[in-house]
PDB file of all heavy atoms in Angstrom:
ATOM      1  N   LYS A   1      -1.674  19.038   7.054  1.00  0.00           N
ATOM      2  CA  LYS A   1      -1.885  20.347   7.683  1.00  0.00           C
ATOM      3  C   LYS A   1      -0.584  20.929   8.204  1.00  0.00           C
ATOM      4  O   LYS A   1      -0.454  22.146   8.347  1.00  0.00           O
ATOM      5  CB  LYS A   1      -2.901  20.216   8.818  1.00  0.00           C
ATOM      6  CG  LYS A   1      -4.321  20.000   8.314  1.00  0.00           C
ATOM      7  CD  LYS A   1      -5.259  19.650   9.440  1.00  0.00           C
ATOM      8  CE  LYS A   1      -6.633  19.317   8.869  1.00  0.00           C
ATOM      9  NZ  LYS A   1      -7.538  18.788   9.908  1.00  0.00           N
ATOM     10  N   LEU A   2       0.372  20.047   8.495  1.00  0.00           N
ATOM     11  CA  LEU A   2       1.676  20.505   8.977  1.00  0.00           C
ATOM     12  C   LEU A   2       2.700  20.594   7.843  1.00  0.00           C
ATOM     13  O   LEU A   2       3.899  20.740   8.093  1.00  0.00           O
ATOM     14  CB  LEU A   2       2.191  19.546  10.060  1.00  0.00           C
ATOM     15  CG  LEU A   2       1.353  19.521  11.348  1.00  0.00           C
ATOM     16  CD1 LEU A   2       1.761  18.360  12.240  1.00  0.00           C
ATOM     17  CD2 LEU A   2       1.494  20.843  12.096  1.00  0.00           C
ATOM     18  N   ASP A   3       2.208  20.495   6.590  1.00  0.00           N
ATOM     19  CA  ASP A   3       3.052  20.613   5.381  1.00  0.00           C
ATOM     20  C   ASP A   3       4.127  19.532   5.299  1.00  0.00           C
ATOM     21  O   ASP A   3       5.173  19.744   4.669  1.00  0.00           O
ATOM     22  CB  ASP A   3       3.706  22.004   5.304  1.00  0.00           C
ATOM     23  CG  ASP A   3       2.675  23.103   5.067  1.00  0.00           C
ATOM     24  OD1 ASP A   3       1.682  22.824   4.364  1.00  0.00           O
ATOM     25  OD2 ASP A   3       2.862  24.214   5.590  1.00  0.00           O
ATOM     26  N   SER A   4       3.890  18.386   5.915  1.00  0.00           N
ATOM     27  CA  SER A   4       4.804  17.243   5.771  1.00  0.00           C
ATOM     28  C   SER A   4       4.215  16.312   4.718  1.00  0.00           C
ATOM     29  O   SER A   4       3.633  15.262   5.030  1.00  0.00           O
ATOM     30  CB  SER A   4       4.968  16.513   7.111  1.00  0.00           C
ATOM     31  OG  SER A   4       5.538  17.357   8.071  1.00  0.00           O
ATOM     32  N   MET A   5       4.350  16.721   3.458  1.00  0.00           N
ATOM     33  CA  MET A   5       3.638  16.037   2.373  1.00  0.00           C
ATOM     34  C   MET A   5       4.158  14.620   2.134  1.00  0.00           C
ATOM     35  O   MET A   5       3.381  13.717   1.822  1.00  0.00           O
ATOM     36  CB  MET A   5       3.734  16.864   1.084  1.00  0.00           C
ATOM     37  CG  MET A   5       3.142  18.261   1.205  1.00  0.00           C
ATOM     38  SD  MET A   5       1.437  18.225   1.796  1.00  0.00           S
ATOM     39  CE  MET A   5       1.021  19.966   1.785  1.00  0.00           C
ATOM     40  N   GLN A   6       5.461  14.426   2.267  1.00  0.00           N
ATOM     41  CA  GLN A   6       6.003  13.088   2.036  1.00  0.00           C
ATOM     42  C   GLN A   6       5.510  12.100   3.094  1.00  0.00           C
ATOM     43  O   GLN A   6       5.188  10.946   2.794  1.00  0.00           O
ATOM     44  CB  GLN A   6       7.541  13.135   2.024  1.00  0.00           C
ATOM     45  CG  GLN A   6       8.129  13.971   0.887  1.00  0.00           C
ATOM     46  CD  GLN A   6       7.624  13.518  -0.478  1.00  0.00           C
ATOM     47  OE1 GLN A   6       7.571  12.318  -0.766  1.00  0.00           O
ATOM     48  NE2 GLN A   6       7.278  14.473  -1.321  1.00  0.00           N
ATOM     49  N   GLN A   7       5.428  12.564   4.345  1.00  0.00           N
ATOM     50  CA  GLN A   7       4.895  11.708   5.413  1.00  0.00           C
ATOM     51  C   GLN A   7       3.416  11.403   5.157  1.00  0.00           C
ATOM     52  O   GLN A   7       2.955  10.280   5.398  1.00  0.00           O
ATOM     53  CB  GLN A   7       5.051  12.403   6.774  1.00  0.00           C
ATOM     54  CG  GLN A   7       6.482  12.538   7.259  1.00  0.00           C
ATOM     55  CD  GLN A   7       7.118  11.186   7.565  1.00  0.00           C
ATOM     56  OE1 GLN A   7       6.441  10.222   7.881  1.00  0.00           O
ATOM     57  NE2 GLN A   7       8.439  11.113   7.448  1.00  0.00           N
ATOM     58  N   ALA A   8       2.695  12.408   4.685  1.00  0.00           N
ATOM     59  CA  ALA A   8       1.274  12.202   4.374  1.00  0.00           C
ATOM     60  C   ALA A   8       1.112  11.152   3.288  1.00  0.00           C
ATOM     61  O   ALA A   8       0.241  10.269   3.383  1.00  0.00           O
ATOM     62  CB  ALA A   8       0.642  13.526   3.941  1.00  0.00           C
ATOM     63  N   LYS A   9       1.966  11.219   2.260  1.00  0.00           N
ATOM     64  CA  LYS A   9       1.906  10.216   1.181  1.00  0.00           C
ATOM     65  C   LYS A   9       2.111   8.809   1.735  1.00  0.00           C
ATOM     66  O   LYS A   9       1.388   7.872   1.390  1.00  0.00           O
ATOM     67  CB  LYS A   9       3.007  10.500   0.143  1.00  0.00           C
ATOM     68  CG  LYS A   9       2.701  11.578  -0.865  1.00  0.00           C
ATOM     69  CD  LYS A   9       3.847  11.600  -1.877  1.00  0.00           C
ATOM     70  CE  LYS A   9       3.807  12.852  -2.707  1.00  0.00           C
ATOM     71  NZ  LYS A   9       4.947  12.926  -3.631  1.00  0.00           N
ATOM     72  N   LYS A  10       3.113   8.653   2.622  1.00  0.00           N
ATOM     73  CA  LYS A  10       3.397   7.336   3.195  1.00  0.00           C
ATOM     74  C   LYS A  10       2.186   6.801   3.967  1.00  0.00           C
ATOM     75  O   LYS A  10       1.865   5.610   3.885  1.00  0.00           O
ATOM     76  CB  LYS A  10       4.609   7.422   4.126  1.00  0.00           C
ATOM     77  CG  LYS A  10       5.936   7.654   3.405  1.00  0.00           C
ATOM     78  CD  LYS A  10       7.068   7.796   4.405  1.00  0.00           C
ATOM     79  CE  LYS A  10       8.388   8.094   3.702  1.00  0.00           C
ATOM     80  NZ  LYS A  10       9.494   8.302   4.666  1.00  0.00           N
ATOM     81  N   CYS A  11       1.522   7.696   4.704  1.00  0.00           N
ATOM     82  CA  CYS A  11       0.351   7.269   5.478  1.00  0.00           C
ATOM     83  C   CYS A  11      -0.769   6.794   4.559  1.00  0.00           C
ATOM     84  O   CYS A  11      -1.393   5.758   4.818  1.00  0.00           O
ATOM     85  CB  CYS A  11      -0.147   8.419   6.350  1.00  0.00           C
ATOM     86  SG  CYS A  11       0.948   8.814   7.730  1.00  0.00           S
ATOM     87  N   TYR A  12      -1.018   7.532   3.487  1.00  0.00           N
ATOM     88  CA  TYR A  12      -2.091   7.154   2.565  1.00  0.00           C
ATOM     89  C   TYR A  12      -1.755   5.846   1.843  1.00  0.00           C
ATOM     90  O   TYR A  12      -2.622   4.986   1.651  1.00  0.00           O
ATOM     91  CB  TYR A  12      -2.351   8.269   1.559  1.00  0.00           C
ATOM     92  CG  TYR A  12      -2.904   9.544   2.175  1.00  0.00           C
ATOM     93  CD1 TYR A  12      -2.493  10.801   1.726  1.00  0.00           C
ATOM     94  CD2 TYR A  12      -3.834   9.478   3.214  1.00  0.00           C
ATOM     95  CE1 TYR A  12      -2.998  11.963   2.284  1.00  0.00           C
ATOM     96  CE2 TYR A  12      -4.335  10.643   3.785  1.00  0.00           C
ATOM     97  CZ  TYR A  12      -3.915  11.880   3.318  1.00  0.00           C
ATOM     98  OH  TYR A  12      -4.413  13.027   3.887  1.00  0.00           O
ATOM     99  N   PHE A  13      -0.490   5.699   1.447  1.00  0.00           N
ATOM    100  CA  PHE A  13      -0.070   4.446   0.798  1.00  0.00           C
ATOM    101  C   PHE A  13      -0.250   3.261   1.754  1.00  0.00           C
ATOM    102  O   PHE A  13      -0.728   2.195   1.362  1.00  0.00           O
ATOM    103  CB  PHE A  13       1.400   4.521   0.368  1.00  0.00           C
ATOM    104  CG  PHE A  13       1.602   5.043  -1.023  1.00  0.00           C
ATOM    105  CD1 PHE A  13       2.344   6.197  -1.252  1.00  0.00           C
ATOM    106  CD2 PHE A  13       1.053   4.391  -2.115  1.00  0.00           C
ATOM    107  CE1 PHE A  13       2.528   6.681  -2.541  1.00  0.00           C
ATOM    108  CE2 PHE A  13       1.234   4.859  -3.405  1.00  0.00           C
ATOM    109  CZ  PHE A  13       1.971   6.015  -3.622  1.00  0.00           C
ATOM    110  N   ARG A  14       0.136   3.475   3.019  1.00  0.00           N
ATOM    111  CA  ARG A  14      -0.002   2.411   4.016  1.00  0.00           C
ATOM    112  C   ARG A  14      -1.482   2.065   4.240  1.00  0.00           C
ATOM    113  O   ARG A  14      -1.839   0.890   4.359  1.00  0.00           O
ATOM    114  CB  ARG A  14       0.652   2.873   5.317  1.00  0.00           C
ATOM    115  CG  ARG A  14       0.463   1.942   6.495  1.00  0.00           C
ATOM    116  CD  ARG A  14       1.200   0.646   6.338  1.00  0.00           C
ATOM    117  NE  ARG A  14       1.025  -0.211   7.492  1.00  0.00           N
ATOM    118  CZ  ARG A  14       1.214  -1.518   7.499  1.00  0.00           C
ATOM    119  NH1 ARG A  14       1.603  -2.138   6.412  1.00  0.00           N
ATOM    120  NH2 ARG A  14       1.031  -2.220   8.589  1.00  0.00           N
ATOM    121  N   ALA A  15      -2.312   3.097   4.284  1.00  0.00           N
ATOM    122  CA  ALA A  15      -3.748   2.867   4.467  1.00  0.00           C
ATOM    123  C   ALA A  15      -4.320   2.035   3.326  1.00  0.00           C
ATOM    124  O   ALA A  15      -5.151   1.140   3.537  1.00  0.00           O
ATOM    125  CB  ALA A  15      -4.487   4.197   4.571  1.00  0.00           C
ATOM    126  N   MET A  16      -3.857   2.303   2.111  1.00  0.00           N
ATOM    127  CA  MET A  16      -4.325   1.530   0.955  1.00  0.00           C
ATOM    128  C   MET A  16      -3.826   0.082   1.034  1.00  0.00           C
ATOM    129  O   MET A  16      -4.544  -0.858   0.682  1.00  0.00           O
ATOM    130  CB  MET A  16      -3.842   2.191  -0.335  1.00  0.00           C
ATOM    131  CG  MET A  16      -4.568   3.488  -0.665  1.00  0.00           C
ATOM    132  SD  MET A  16      -3.674   4.522  -1.851  1.00  0.00           S
ATOM    133  CE  MET A  16      -3.490   3.414  -3.228  1.00  0.00           C
ATOM    134  N   SER A  17      -2.612  -0.105   1.523  1.00  0.00           N
ATOM    135  CA  SER A  17      -2.029  -1.449   1.542  1.00  0.00           C
ATOM    136  C   SER A  17      -2.672  -2.342   2.600  1.00  0.00           C
ATOM    137  O   SER A  17      -2.712  -3.563   2.430  1.00  0.00           O
ATOM    138  CB  SER A  17      -0.519  -1.368   1.780  1.00  0.00           C
ATOM    139  OG  SER A  17      -0.236  -0.871   3.075  1.00  0.00           O
ATOM    140  N   VAL A  18      -3.181  -1.751   3.702  1.00  0.00           N
ATOM    141  CA  VAL A  18      -3.809  -2.567   4.748  1.00  0.00           C
ATOM    142  C   VAL A  18      -5.306  -2.741   4.517  1.00  0.00           C
ATOM    143  O   VAL A  18      -5.980  -3.428   5.279  1.00  0.00           O
ATOM    144  CB  VAL A  18      -3.571  -1.968   6.152  1.00  0.00           C
ATOM    145  CG1 VAL A  18      -2.090  -1.923   6.471  1.00  0.00           C
ATOM    146  CG2 VAL A  18      -4.209  -0.597   6.300  1.00  0.00           C
ATOM    147  N   GLY A  19      -5.832  -2.128   3.455  1.00  0.00           N
ATOM    148  CA  GLY A  19      -7.260  -2.258   3.167  1.00  0.00           C
ATOM    149  C   GLY A  19      -7.997  -1.007   3.588  1.00  0.00           C
ATOM    150  O   GLY A  19      -8.281  -0.826   4.772  1.00  0.00           O
ATOM    151  N   ASP A  20      -8.279  -0.141   2.636  1.00  0.00           N
ATOM    152  CA  ASP A  20      -8.894   1.157   2.919  1.00  0.00           C
ATOM    153  C   ASP A  20     -10.356   0.954   3.302  1.00  0.00           C
ATOM    154  O   ASP A  20     -11.235   0.833   2.441  1.00  0.00           O
ATOM    155  CB  ASP A  20      -8.765   2.054   1.682  1.00  0.00           C
ATOM    156  CG  ASP A  20      -9.127   3.495   1.969  1.00  0.00           C
ATOM    157  OD1 ASP A  20      -9.374   3.816   3.137  1.00  0.00           O
ATOM    158  OD2 ASP A  20      -9.173   4.288   1.023  1.00  0.00           O
ATOM    159  N   LEU A  21     -10.633   0.932   4.619  1.00  0.00           N
ATOM    160  CA  LEU A  21     -11.971   0.586   5.102  1.00  0.00           C
ATOM    161  C   LEU A  21     -13.038   1.561   4.618  1.00  0.00           C
ATOM    162  O   LEU A  21     -14.147   1.158   4.286  1.00  0.00           O
ATOM    163  CB  LEU A  21     -11.975   0.547   6.635  1.00  0.00           C
ATOM    164  CG  LEU A  21     -11.154  -0.556   7.289  1.00  0.00           C
ATOM    165  CD1 LEU A  21     -11.125  -0.373   8.793  1.00  0.00           C
ATOM    166  CD2 LEU A  21     -11.720  -1.915   6.938  1.00  0.00           C
ATOM    167  N   GLU A  22     -12.731   2.833   4.598  1.00  0.00           N
ATOM    168  CA  GLU A  22     -13.723   3.843   4.238  1.00  0.00           C
ATOM    169  C   GLU A  22     -13.512   4.402   2.837  1.00  0.00           C
ATOM    170  O   GLU A  22     -14.208   5.323   2.426  1.00  0.00           O
ATOM    171  CB  GLU A  22     -13.691   4.980   5.275  1.00  0.00           C
ATOM    172  CG  GLU A  22     -14.092   4.495   6.670  1.00  0.00           C
ATOM    173  CD  GLU A  22     -14.031   5.595   7.705  1.00  0.00           C
ATOM    174  OE1 GLU A  22     -13.340   6.608   7.458  1.00  0.00           O
ATOM    175  OE2 GLU A  22     -14.667   5.455   8.764  1.00  0.00           O
ATOM    176  N   GLY A  23     -12.538   3.862   2.103  1.00  0.00           N
ATOM    177  CA  GLY A  23     -12.312   4.304   0.731  1.00  0.00           C
ATOM    178  C   GLY A  23     -11.825   5.728   0.607  1.00  0.00           C
ATOM    179  O   GLY A  23     -12.041   6.370  -0.440  1.00  0.00           O
ATOM    180  N   MET A  24     -11.180   6.259   1.645  1.00  0.00           N
ATOM    181  CA  MET A  24     -10.759   7.658   1.639  1.00  0.00           C
ATOM    182  C   MET A  24      -9.293   7.846   1.271  1.00  0.00           C
ATOM    183  O   MET A  24      -8.904   8.913   0.818  1.00  0.00           O
ATOM    184  CB  MET A  24     -11.013   8.278   3.018  1.00  0.00           C
ATOM    185  CG  MET A  24     -12.477   8.344   3.408  1.00  0.00           C
ATOM    186  SD  MET A  24     -13.462   9.306   2.239  1.00  0.00           S
ATOM    187  CE  MET A  24     -12.717  10.915   2.427  1.00  0.00           C
ATOM    188  N   ALA A  25      -8.469   6.836   1.485  1.00  0.00           N
ATOM    189  CA  ALA A  25      -7.026   7.009   1.284  1.00  0.00           C
ATOM    190  C   ALA A  25      -6.700   7.296  -0.177  1.00  0.00           C
ATOM    191  O   ALA A  25      -5.849   8.134  -0.482  1.00  0.00           O
ATOM    192  CB  ALA A  25      -6.276   5.769   1.756  1.00  0.00           C
ATOM    193  N   VAL A  26      -7.391   6.620  -1.106  1.00  0.00           N
ATOM    194  CA  VAL A  26      -7.087   6.774  -2.537  1.00  0.00           C
ATOM    195  C   VAL A  26      -7.360   8.205  -2.996  1.00  0.00           C
ATOM    196  O   VAL A  26      -6.519   8.838  -3.639  1.00  0.00           O
ATOM    197  CB  VAL A  26      -7.916   5.782  -3.374  1.00  0.00           C
ATOM    198  CG1 VAL A  26      -7.604   5.953  -4.851  1.00  0.00           C
ATOM    199  CG2 VAL A  26      -7.635   4.361  -2.949  1.00  0.00           C
ATOM    200  N   ILE A  27      -8.547   8.721  -2.661  1.00  0.00           N
ATOM    201  CA  ILE A  27      -8.914  10.062  -3.132  1.00  0.00           C
ATOM    202  C   ILE A  27      -8.025  11.121  -2.486  1.00  0.00           C
ATOM    203  O   ILE A  27      -7.640  12.108  -3.122  1.00  0.00           O
ATOM    204  CB  ILE A  27     -10.409  10.345  -2.876  1.00  0.00           C
ATOM    205  CG1 ILE A  27     -10.862  11.604  -3.606  1.00  0.00           C
ATOM    206  CG2 ILE A  27     -10.723  10.428  -1.400  1.00  0.00           C
ATOM    207  CD1 ILE A  27     -10.922  11.474  -5.092  1.00  0.00           C
ATOM    208  N   LYS A  28      -7.642  10.915  -1.222  1.00  0.00           N
ATOM    209  CA  LYS A  28      -6.784  11.895  -0.555  1.00  0.00           C
ATOM    210  C   LYS A  28      -5.372  11.871  -1.139  1.00  0.00           C
ATOM    211  O   LYS A  28      -4.740  12.923  -1.301  1.00  0.00           O
ATOM    212  CB  LYS A  28      -6.750  11.635   0.956  1.00  0.00           C
ATOM    213  CG  LYS A  28      -8.073  11.988   1.635  1.00  0.00           C
ATOM    214  CD  LYS A  28      -7.975  11.874   3.135  1.00  0.00           C
ATOM    215  CE  LYS A  28      -9.296  12.296   3.777  1.00  0.00           C
ATOM    216  NZ  LYS A  28      -9.566  13.734   3.565  1.00  0.00           N
ATOM    217  N   LEU A  29      -4.892  10.685  -1.474  1.00  0.00           N
ATOM    218  CA  LEU A  29      -3.576  10.587  -2.101  1.00  0.00           C
ATOM    219  C   LEU A  29      -3.601  11.221  -3.489  1.00  0.00           C
ATOM    220  O   LEU A  29      -2.659  11.921  -3.884  1.00  0.00           O
ATOM    221  CB  LEU A  29      -3.150   9.127  -2.188  1.00  0.00           C
ATOM    222  CG  LEU A  29      -1.770   8.852  -2.785  1.00  0.00           C
ATOM    223  CD1 LEU A  29      -0.684   9.565  -1.993  1.00  0.00           C
ATOM    224  CD2 LEU A  29      -1.486   7.354  -2.840  1.00  0.00           C
ATOM    225  N   ALA A  30      -4.683  11.000  -4.223  1.00  0.00           N
ATOM    226  CA  ALA A  30      -4.816  11.599  -5.553  1.00  0.00           C
ATOM    227  C   ALA A  30      -4.799  13.116  -5.458  1.00  0.00           C
ATOM    228  O   ALA A  30      -4.110  13.797  -6.237  1.00  0.00           O
ATOM    229  CB  ALA A  30      -6.105  11.116  -6.208  1.00  0.00           C
ATOM    230  N   ARG A  31      -5.544  13.677  -4.527  1.00  0.00           N
ATOM    231  CA  ARG A  31      -5.581  15.141  -4.361  1.00  0.00           C
ATOM    232  C   ARG A  31      -4.226  15.689  -3.954  1.00  0.00           C
ATOM    233  O   ARG A  31      -3.848  16.790  -4.365  1.00  0.00           O
ATOM    234  CB  ARG A  31      -6.635  15.508  -3.316  1.00  0.00           C
ATOM    235  CG  ARG A  31      -8.049  15.429  -3.851  1.00  0.00           C
ATOM    236  CD  ARG A  31      -9.041  15.803  -2.784  1.00  0.00           C
ATOM    237  NE  ARG A  31     -10.394  15.780  -3.302  1.00  0.00           N
ATOM    238  CZ  ARG A  31     -11.472  15.633  -2.561  1.00  0.00           C
ATOM    239  NH1 ARG A  31     -11.345  15.476  -1.261  1.00  0.00           N
ATOM    240  NH2 ARG A  31     -12.675  15.639  -3.106  1.00  0.00           N
ATOM    241  N   LEU A  32      -3.509  14.917  -3.117  1.00  0.00           N
ATOM    242  CA  LEU A  32      -2.184  15.368  -2.690  1.00  0.00           C
ATOM    243  C   LEU A  32      -1.237  15.415  -3.885  1.00  0.00           C
ATOM    244  O   LEU A  32      -0.478  16.385  -4.049  1.00  0.00           O
ATOM    245  CB  LEU A  32      -1.652  14.428  -1.610  1.00  0.00           C
ATOM    246  CG  LEU A  32      -0.324  14.797  -0.959  1.00  0.00           C
ATOM    247  CD1 LEU A  32      -0.365  16.197  -0.373  1.00  0.00           C
ATOM    248  CD2 LEU A  32       0.038  13.789   0.124  1.00  0.00           C
ATOM    249  N   HIS A  33      -1.264  14.397  -4.742  1.00  0.00           N
ATOM    250  CA  HIS A  33      -0.448  14.417  -5.960  1.00  0.00           C
ATOM    251  C   HIS A  33      -0.848  15.593  -6.858  1.00  0.00           C
ATOM    252  O   HIS A  33       0.020  16.259  -7.437  1.00  0.00           O
ATOM    253  CB  HIS A  33      -0.618  13.108  -6.729  1.00  0.00           C
ATOM    254  CG  HIS A  33       0.157  11.957  -6.158  1.00  0.00           C
ATOM    255  ND1 HIS A  33       1.512  12.024  -5.917  1.00  0.00           N
ATOM    256  CD2 HIS A  33      -0.233  10.706  -5.783  1.00  0.00           C
ATOM    257  CE1 HIS A  33       1.926  10.860  -5.432  1.00  0.00           C
ATOM    258  NE2 HIS A  33       0.893  10.047  -5.326  1.00  0.00           N
ATOM    259  N   GLU A  34      -2.139  15.839  -6.957  1.00  0.00           N
ATOM    260  CA  GLU A  34      -2.608  16.964  -7.794  1.00  0.00           C
ATOM    261  C   GLU A  34      -2.118  18.286  -7.232  1.00  0.00           C
ATOM    262  O   GLU A  34      -1.658  19.160  -7.980  1.00  0.00           O
ATOM    263  CB  GLU A  34      -4.139  16.955  -7.844  1.00  0.00           C
ATOM    264  CG  GLU A  34      -4.718  18.048  -8.733  1.00  0.00           C
ATOM    265  CD  GLU A  34      -6.246  18.061  -8.720  1.00  0.00           C
ATOM    266  OE1 GLU A  34      -6.857  17.218  -8.021  1.00  0.00           O
ATOM    267  OE2 GLU A  34      -6.830  18.927  -9.398  1.00  0.00           O
ATOM    268  N   GLN A  35      -2.183  18.432  -5.916  1.00  0.00           N
ATOM    269  CA  GLN A  35      -1.715  19.656  -5.267  1.00  0.00           C
ATOM    270  C   GLN A  35      -0.224  19.876  -5.512  1.00  0.00           C
ATOM    271  O   GLN A  35       0.229  21.019  -5.684  1.00  0.00           O
ATOM    272  CB  GLN A  35      -2.006  19.565  -3.767  1.00  0.00           C
ATOM    273  CG  GLN A  35      -1.581  20.773  -2.961  1.00  0.00           C
ATOM    274  CD  GLN A  35      -1.796  20.553  -1.469  1.00  0.00           C
ATOM    275  OE1 GLN A  35      -2.595  19.710  -1.060  1.00  0.00           O
ATOM    276  NE2 GLN A  35      -1.083  21.298  -0.657  1.00  0.00           N
ATOM    277  N   LEU A  36       0.531  18.769  -5.532  1.00  0.00           N
ATOM    278  CA  LEU A  36       1.975  18.866  -5.761  1.00  0.00           C
ATOM    279  C   LEU A  36       2.333  18.866  -7.247  1.00  0.00           C
ATOM    280  O   LEU A  36       3.506  18.777  -7.601  1.00  0.00           O
ATOM    281  CB  LEU A  36       2.675  17.684  -5.061  1.00  0.00           C
ATOM    282  CG  LEU A  36       2.550  17.637  -3.535  1.00  0.00           C
ATOM    283  CD1 LEU A  36       3.128  16.345  -2.987  1.00  0.00           C
ATOM    284  CD2 LEU A  36       3.236  18.836  -2.899  1.00  0.00           C
ATOM    285  N   GLN A  37       1.293  18.963  -8.109  1.00  0.00           N
ATOM    286  CA  GLN A  37       1.459  19.008  -9.578  1.00  0.00           C
ATOM    287  C   GLN A  37       2.156  17.759 -10.113  1.00  0.00           C
ATOM    288  O   GLN A  37       2.887  17.826 -11.100  1.00  0.00           O
ATOM    289  CB  GLN A  37       2.214  20.273  -9.992  1.00  0.00           C
ATOM    290  CG  GLN A  37       1.470  21.560  -9.623  1.00  0.00           C
ATOM    291  CD  GLN A  37       2.203  22.812 -10.059  1.00  0.00           C
ATOM    292  OE1 GLN A  37       3.378  22.762 -10.425  1.00  0.00           O
ATOM    293  NE2 GLN A  37       1.518  23.944 -10.028  1.00  0.00           N
ATOM    294  N   GLU A  38       1.901  16.638  -9.451  1.00  0.00           N
ATOM    295  CA  GLU A  38       2.401  15.344  -9.934  1.00  0.00           C
ATOM    296  C   GLU A  38       1.255  14.663 -10.683  1.00  0.00           C
ATOM    297  O   GLU A  38       0.602  13.737 -10.191  1.00  0.00           O
ATOM    298  CB  GLU A  38       2.883  14.505  -8.740  1.00  0.00           C
ATOM    299  CG  GLU A  38       4.039  15.166  -7.990  1.00  0.00           C
ATOM    300  CD  GLU A  38       4.340  14.488  -6.648  1.00  0.00           C
ATOM    301  OE1 GLU A  38       3.577  13.597  -6.231  1.00  0.00           O
ATOM    302  OE2 GLU A  38       5.351  14.868  -6.017  1.00  0.00           O
ATOM    303  N   ASP A  39       1.014  15.189 -11.903  1.00  0.00           N
ATOM    304  CA  ASP A  39      -0.214  14.836 -12.619  1.00  0.00           C
ATOM    305  C   ASP A  39      -0.288  13.361 -12.991  1.00  0.00           C
ATOM    306  O   ASP A  39      -1.360  12.757 -12.917  1.00  0.00           O
ATOM    307  CB  ASP A  39      -0.342  15.699 -13.891  1.00  0.00           C
ATOM    308  CG  ASP A  39      -0.632  17.150 -13.556  1.00  0.00           C
ATOM    309  OD1 ASP A  39      -0.948  17.433 -12.380  1.00  0.00           O
ATOM    310  OD2 ASP A  39      -0.547  18.008 -14.452  1.00  0.00           O
ATOM    311  N   ASP A  40       0.827  12.774 -13.398  1.00  0.00           N
ATOM    312  CA  ASP A  40       0.791  11.360 -13.797  1.00  0.00           C
ATOM    313  C   ASP A  40       0.400  10.470 -12.618  1.00  0.00           C
ATOM    314  O   ASP A  40      -0.430   9.559 -12.753  1.00  0.00           O
ATOM    315  CB  ASP A  40       2.152  10.929 -14.359  1.00  0.00           C
ATOM    316  CG  ASP A  40       2.467  11.624 -15.677  1.00  0.00           C
ATOM    317  OD1 ASP A  40       1.513  12.089 -16.340  1.00  0.00           O
ATOM    318  OD2 ASP A  40       3.655  11.693 -16.043  1.00  0.00           O
ATOM    319  N   GLU A  41       1.012  10.714 -11.439  1.00  0.00           N
ATOM    320  CA  GLU A  41       0.680   9.933 -10.251  1.00  0.00           C
ATOM    321  C   GLU A  41      -0.758  10.186  -9.809  1.00  0.00           C
ATOM    322  O   GLU A  41      -1.474   9.265  -9.396  1.00  0.00           O
ATOM    323  CB  GLU A  41       1.640  10.268  -9.097  1.00  0.00           C
ATOM    324  CG  GLU A  41       3.063   9.797  -9.301  1.00  0.00           C
ATOM    325  CD  GLU A  41       3.881  10.767 -10.157  1.00  0.00           C
ATOM    326  OE1 GLU A  41       3.291  11.762 -10.635  1.00  0.00           O
ATOM    327  OE2 GLU A  41       5.092  10.526 -10.329  1.00  0.00           O
ATOM    328  N   ALA A  42      -1.179  11.466  -9.913  1.00  0.00           N
ATOM    329  CA  ALA A  42      -2.560  11.805  -9.545  1.00  0.00           C
ATOM    330  C   ALA A  42      -3.548  11.063 -10.431  1.00  0.00           C
ATOM    331  O   ALA A  42      -4.569  10.552  -9.954  1.00  0.00           O
ATOM    332  CB  ALA A  42      -2.771  13.314  -9.641  1.00  0.00           C
ATOM    333  N   ALA A  43      -3.256  10.994 -11.728  1.00  0.00           N
ATOM    334  CA  ALA A  43      -4.152  10.302 -12.657  1.00  0.00           C
ATOM    335  C   ALA A  43      -4.281   8.826 -12.301  1.00  0.00           C
ATOM    336  O   ALA A  43      -5.375   8.245 -12.372  1.00  0.00           O
ATOM    337  CB  ALA A  43      -3.634  10.462 -14.086  1.00  0.00           C
TER     338      ALA A  43
END
């Protein structure tokens, strides 16, 4: 929301690495890559 996309990516990656309890980090990271037109990473 504050347009700090790189920081957001780090948070989602960290959430995945510690065990995504609610399964939300993966889909949010995918959408962020899609928004940034990083299609290969989003896929």
